[in-house]
Amino acid sequence: MMINKDGRVKTGIFGLDELLGGGYCPNTVNIVLGSAGVGKTIFALQFLLKGLENDEKGIFVSFDMDERRIIDLALSMGWDEVVDYIDEGKLLVGSNFHVEDIVYLNSDLLDFILSNASNDKVRIVVDSFTPLIASLSFEMRKDVNWFFSKLREAGTSVVTLEEPLDGNLNNPSITVPVFLGDSVIHLENIGYGEAFNRTLRIIKHRGSWHAEGIFPYRILRGLGIVVEGSAYVEERKTKVDLEDVLREVDKKEIDPVVLRRLKKLTEDEIPISKEELIKIIKRVIECS
């Protein structure tokens, strides 16, 4: 699997890895939430293509689109190579699933995924998970959790969810998979004009730092999704000498536990300014 020096899986989404602290964590389930037309399927295809370009295998499961429609979307984006990947058996498309209840997740759907995921060099997409769990109740949480655990064993996955038309995200079919996913990215069409029409927000990224805030993105033929704002995060990264900072805040004695935590904080580049970091350290010391 295409893993960078930080042990992360590159997403293939231009500008996103920097906002995720280097990319997805390996063997995770990553939720992409959004309404129709925000680019969830393009996001999913882009994620798969990044792996395919590096000799990984791709599995695309869809309840909404058959193979022909997926190919048509890829061709419309200028990704002609998708046809070759399918013909060569490197990208497998499963679209003949008519599951009406999540208790059947261990039937043909899971068999299809696991039988074709021979090792961890595979990327898996389920687009969209929503039809399968439209009537999901909180009692079925264990079934989703079990299914996600099987996906993690097989590889690194992207699961898309369709945002309700009324914008209500409290429905169990949304809250349960979002809660159980390892990361959640919310794509939104806010309609403020061409430059800022679509925005991306990282709701959570379990076990990892992630950028906070709302970042505009565009969908460009040939490239796919391009997220703006990564340069802002890179510019703010600061490598801090903790001893210099402590001298600056004029603190000679610090609780050993607090000192150990501060050392952990400053081991890596921190995506905040030095001035902001000094304020945080002062506050931590005052409260200790």
Foldseek 3Di string as FASTA:
>chain_A
DPADPVQAQAQLFALACLQFVRHAHKLFEEEEEEAPPLAQLLSQVSSQVVLVVVVFAEEEEEQPDDPVVSCVVCVQLVNNCVVVCVVVVRYHYHHPDDAQELVCCPPPVLCVQQVPLPQQSYEYEYPECCNHCVVPDPVCLVSVLVSSNSSSRRYYYYYYYHQDPVNDQPDCSRVSCCVNGQWYKYWYQPPPDDQQRIWIATPHHHPTHGDGDIWGWDQHRPSGIHTPDSVLQVVQWDQDDVVVLCVVVPDDDADPVLVVVVCVVRVGTDSHHPVVVSVVSVVSRVVD
